[in-house]
Amino acid sequence: MGKPRYALYYTPAPWSPLEQLGSQWLGRDTTVDDFVEQPRVPGFSPERIAELTEKPQHYGFHATLKAPFELAPGKTEDDLLGAVEELASELEPIDAPPLEVAQLAGFLALRFAVPCPEVDQLAAACVQRLDDFRRITPRPAEGLTPRQIELQNRWGYPYVLEECRFHMTLTDRVSDLAAEPLLAFLREYFEPALLEPVVVDRITIFVQDDREDPFSRLEDVPLGLL
């Protein structure tokens, strides 16, 4: 059995349209820690949709603020929770732009329709302020730019700070041929949640007890309310 890994996510408010639609699409609701039936997509078998969503389902419906990490020697889960609570108490909820469904690097995801520097700053604070909790582990550098390698060596992950792109993953990589009908379906499917601005009002801590286990919700920490 491996060591637990932790991650800091943005997750929508439980029972909100965005959370419910995202959880149903991935087939797993981390609010109640259970699997749910996925929607039927014209032109795709249920097995194909399950295959395309298997990897994002493993992590849960989220946007990454701090990528998965093992705890550094001497640090405990309670230490991490206390530090996240302290950080969150210094921050205010963010009224972010609406989301849109888009194709990113070959996979489909929700992203902000326009940039949101405030959320980028939140993610940077999670990466930098909580770095002492990250156990240093080697990661492959293949395919990374020199700057991404530099960021990975310093912060343990290449897609942080100016390389961070807020997104909520919906599929694994899909071909251009499959992407077009999936994009059309997902834009209609998520439409009820895409009409309003997004409120980023929490840091959600997820934990993975073993590498074969899915990530599960550990704690929702509200911003600015402690």
Protein backbone atom coordinates (compact mmCIF):
# COMPACT_ATOMS: atom_id res chain seq x y z
CA MET A 1 0.00 0.00 0.00
CA GLY A 2 1.42 3.39 -1.02
CA LYS A 3 1.39 6.64 0.89
CA PRO A 4 -1.72 8.81 0.72
CA ARG A 5 -1.75 11.72 -1.70
CA TYR A 6 -3.56 14.99 -1.20
CA ALA A 7 -4.75 17.61 -3.67
CA LEU A 8 -6.32 21.05 -3.37
CA TYR A 9 -9.21 21.63 -5.71
CA TYR A 10 -11.87 24.11 -6.58
CA THR A 11 -15.21 22.32 -6.49
CA PRO A 12 -18.62 23.89 -7.05
CA ALA A 13 -21.05 24.20 -4.18
CA PRO A 14 -22.64 20.83 -3.38
CA TRP A 15 -26.01 20.35 -5.08
CA SER A 16 -25.39 23.32 -7.40
CA PRO A 17 -26.27 22.79 -11.09
CA LEU A 18 -22.58 22.80 -12.02
CA GLU A 19 -21.68 20.21 -9.39
CA GLN A 20 -24.62 17.98 -10.23
CA LEU A 21 -24.09 18.11 -13.99
CA GLY A 22 -20.34 17.60 -13.69
CA SER A 23 -20.69 14.69 -11.30
CA GLN A 24 -23.32 13.00 -13.46
CA TRP A 25 -21.20 13.46 -16.58
CA LEU A 26 -18.18 11.81 -14.93
CA GLY A 27 -20.32 9.14 -13.31
CA ARG A 28 -19.14 9.80 -9.75
CA ASP A 29 -20.47 12.18 -7.12
CA THR A 30 -17.74 13.02 -4.60
CA THR A 31 -20.25 14.89 -2.42
CA VAL A 32 -21.89 11.60 -1.46
CA ASP A 33 -18.91 9.42 -2.46
CA ASP A 34 -20.86 7.22 -4.85
CA PHE A 35 -21.10 6.34 -8.52
CA VAL A 36 -24.01 7.69 -10.58
CA GLU A 37 -25.46 6.88 -13.99
CA GLN A 38 -23.91 8.85 -16.82
CA PRO A 39 -26.00 10.59 -19.49
CA ARG A 40 -26.53 8.94 -22.85
CA VAL A 41 -24.71 10.66 -25.72
CA PRO A 42 -26.07 10.20 -29.27
CA GLY A 43 -23.56 8.40 -31.45
CA PHE A 44 -21.52 7.06 -28.52
CA SER A 45 -22.01 3.83 -26.62
CA PRO A 46 -22.18 3.98 -22.82
CA GLU A 47 -18.96 1.96 -22.77
CA ARG A 48 -17.20 4.56 -24.91
CA ILE A 49 -18.33 7.43 -22.69
CA ALA A 50 -17.19 5.48 -19.63
CA GLU A 51 -13.82 4.97 -21.29
CA LEU A 52 -13.45 8.65 -22.18
CA THR A 53 -14.30 9.75 -18.64
CA GLU A 54 -12.44 7.04 -16.71
CA LYS A 55 -9.39 9.16 -15.91
CA PRO A 56 -11.19 12.38 -14.89
CA GLN A 57 -13.65 10.29 -12.88
CA HIS A 58 -10.69 8.95 -10.90
CA TYR A 59 -9.85 12.47 -9.73
CA GLY A 60 -13.41 13.75 -9.29
CA PHE A 61 -15.09 16.80 -10.83
CA HIS A 62 -12.80 19.71 -10.02
CA ALA A 63 -10.30 22.33 -11.10
CA THR A 64 -6.81 21.88 -9.69
CA LEU A 65 -5.39 24.51 -7.35
CA LYS A 66 -2.49 22.37 -6.09
CA ALA A 67 -1.71 19.10 -7.86
CA PRO A 68 -1.59 15.78 -5.96
CA PHE A 69 1.30 15.35 -3.55
CA GLU A 70 2.46 13.09 -0.75
CA LEU A 71 2.99 14.72 2.63
CA ALA A 72 6.52 15.78 3.49
CA PRO A 73 8.23 13.91 6.35
CA GLY A 74 6.98 15.14 9.70
CA LYS A 75 3.76 16.61 8.30
CA THR A 76 0.33 15.21 9.13
CA GLU A 77 -3.12 15.45 7.63
CA ASP A 78 -4.21 17.65 10.53
CA ASP A 79 -1.24 19.95 9.89
CA LEU A 80 -2.29 20.31 6.27
CA LEU A 81 -5.91 20.99 7.17
CA GLY A 82 -4.86 23.67 9.64
CA ALA A 83 -2.61 25.36 7.09
CA VAL A 84 -5.34 25.34 4.43
CA GLU A 85 -7.79 26.83 6.92
CA GLU A 86 -5.30 29.57 7.79
CA LEU A 87 -4.69 30.37 4.13
CA ALA A 88 -8.40 30.35 3.30
CA SER A 89 -9.15 32.71 6.19
CA GLU A 90 -6.93 35.35 4.55
CA LEU A 91 -8.73 35.17 1.21
CA GLU A 92 -12.10 36.33 -0.07
CA PRO A 93 -14.59 34.53 -2.32
CA ILE A 94 -14.09 35.30 -6.00
CA ASP A 95 -16.80 36.22 -8.48
CA ALA A 96 -15.33 34.54 -11.54
CA PRO A 97 -16.50 34.69 -15.18
CA PRO A 98 -18.89 32.13 -16.67
CA LEU A 99 -17.50 28.85 -17.94
CA GLU A 100 -17.44 27.46 -21.45
CA VAL A 101 -16.82 23.98 -22.88
CA ALA A 102 -13.64 23.89 -24.94
CA GLN A 103 -11.01 21.57 -26.35
CA LEU A 104 -7.68 21.86 -24.52
CA ALA A 105 -4.58 19.96 -25.64
CA GLY A 106 -6.72 17.19 -27.07
CA PHE A 107 -9.19 16.75 -24.21
CA LEU A 108 -12.49 18.48 -23.42
CA ALA A 109 -12.89 20.69 -20.39
CA LEU A 110 -14.73 23.57 -18.82
CA ARG A 111 -12.71 26.79 -18.65
CA PHE A 112 -13.42 30.45 -18.01
CA ALA A 113 -14.75 32.30 -21.04
CA VAL A 114 -12.31 35.12 -20.22
CA PRO A 115 -9.17 35.12 -18.03
CA CYS A 116 -9.60 35.42 -14.27
CA PRO A 117 -6.40 36.66 -12.59
CA GLU A 118 -7.95 36.38 -9.12
CA VAL A 119 -8.37 32.61 -9.47
CA ASP A 120 -4.86 32.33 -10.89
CA GLN A 121 -3.63 34.14 -7.76
CA LEU A 122 -5.59 31.73 -5.55
CA ALA A 123 -3.94 28.75 -7.24
CA ALA A 124 -0.51 30.37 -6.93
CA ALA A 125 -1.08 30.95 -3.21
CA CYS A 126 -2.01 27.29 -2.71
CA VAL A 127 1.13 26.17 -4.57
CA GLN A 128 3.56 28.53 -2.87
CA ARG A 129 2.18 28.92 0.65
CA LEU A 130 1.66 25.18 1.15
CA ASP A 131 4.81 23.93 -0.56
CA ASP A 132 6.36 22.83 2.75
CA PHE A 133 3.73 20.08 2.91
CA ARG A 134 4.83 18.52 -0.38
CA ARG A 135 7.15 15.55 -0.27
CA ILE A 136 9.78 15.96 -2.98
CA THR A 137 9.40 13.18 -5.54
CA PRO A 138 10.91 12.86 -9.03
CA ARG A 139 8.69 13.49 -12.04
CA PRO A 140 9.46 12.93 -15.74
CA ALA A 141 10.35 16.01 -17.76
CA GLU A 142 9.67 14.62 -21.23
CA GLY A 143 7.75 17.01 -23.45
CA LEU A 144 8.07 19.99 -21.11
CA THR A 145 9.42 23.41 -22.00
CA PRO A 146 12.49 24.74 -20.15
CA ARG A 147 10.24 26.99 -18.04
CA GLN A 148 7.92 24.10 -17.18
CA ILE A 149 10.91 22.02 -16.11
CA GLU A 150 12.04 24.90 -13.92
CA LEU A 151 8.61 25.15 -12.32
CA GLN A 152 8.43 21.40 -11.82
CA ASN A 153 11.82 21.33 -10.12
CA ARG A 154 10.82 24.17 -7.80
CA TRP A 155 7.17 23.45 -7.10
CA GLY A 156 6.73 19.78 -8.00
CA TYR A 157 4.43 20.35 -10.97
CA PRO A 158 5.02 22.04 -14.34
CA TYR A 159 1.63 23.69 -14.83
CA VAL A 160 1.71 26.27 -12.04
CA LEU A 161 1.96 30.06 -11.77
CA GLU A 162 1.96 31.56 -15.29
CA GLU A 163 1.68 28.04 -16.80
CA CYS A 164 -1.50 27.29 -14.86
CA ARG A 165 -4.71 27.14 -16.88
CA PHE A 166 -7.86 26.83 -14.77
CA HIS A 167 -9.99 24.03 -16.18
CA MET A 168 -12.36 21.26 -15.15
CA THR A 169 -11.51 18.14 -17.12
CA LEU A 170 -14.42 16.34 -18.78
CA THR A 171 -12.72 13.71 -20.96
CA ASP A 172 -9.47 12.02 -21.73
CA ARG A 173 -7.90 12.81 -25.10
CA VAL A 174 -10.35 12.54 -27.98
CA SER A 175 -9.84 12.56 -31.73
CA ASP A 176 -10.89 15.62 -33.71
CA LEU A 177 -13.61 13.49 -35.30
CA ALA A 178 -15.10 12.56 -31.92
CA ALA A 179 -14.51 15.97 -30.37
CA GLU A 180 -16.96 17.84 -32.60
CA PRO A 181 -20.14 15.93 -31.64
CA LEU A 182 -19.01 15.70 -28.02
CA LEU A 183 -18.45 19.44 -27.84
CA ALA A 184 -21.93 20.05 -29.24
CA PHE A 185 -23.50 17.66 -26.73
CA LEU A 186 -21.57 19.01 -23.73
CA ARG A 187 -22.32 22.63 -24.54
CA GLU A 188 -26.02 21.86 -24.52
CA TYR A 189 -25.73 19.53 -21.52
CA PHE A 190 -23.91 22.09 -19.34
CA GLU A 191 -25.91 25.08 -20.59
CA PRO A 192 -27.90 25.50 -17.34
CA ALA A 193 -24.61 25.93 -15.46
CA LEU A 194 -22.89 28.13 -18.05
CA LEU A 195 -25.28 31.08 -17.96
CA GLU A 196 -24.16 32.48 -14.60
CA PRO A 197 -20.79 33.65 -13.24
CA VAL A 198 -18.90 31.17 -11.09
CA VAL A 199 -18.36 31.82 -7.38
CA VAL A 200 -15.04 30.40 -6.18
CA ASP A 201 -15.69 30.33 -2.44
CA ARG A 202 -13.82 27.30 -1.14
CA ILE A 203 -10.68 25.22 -1.22
CA THR A 204 -11.57 21.54 -1.24
CA ILE A 205 -9.05 19.03 0.06
CA PHE A 206 -9.13 15.64 -1.63
CA VAL A 207 -7.25 12.54 -0.54
CA GLN A 208 -6.21 9.33 -2.26
CA ASP A 209 -5.41 6.58 0.23
CA ASP A 210 -3.71 4.37 -2.34
CA ARG A 211 -2.65 4.94 -5.95
CA GLU A 212 -5.32 2.55 -7.20
CA ASP A 213 -8.08 4.32 -5.27
CA PRO A 214 -10.04 7.28 -6.63
CA PHE A 215 -9.56 10.66 -4.97
CA SER A 216 -12.26 11.41 -2.41
CA ARG A 217 -13.45 14.60 -0.76
CA LEU A 218 -11.86 15.17 2.64
CA GLU A 219 -12.84 18.72 3.61
CA ASP A 220 -14.40 21.85 2.14
CA VAL A 221 -12.65 24.94 3.53
CA PRO A 222 -14.56 28.19 2.90
CA LEU A 223 -12.70 31.31 1.87
CA GLY A 224 -12.76 34.25 4.26
CA LEU A 225 -15.13 32.74 6.81
CA LEU A 226 -12.83 31.61 9.64
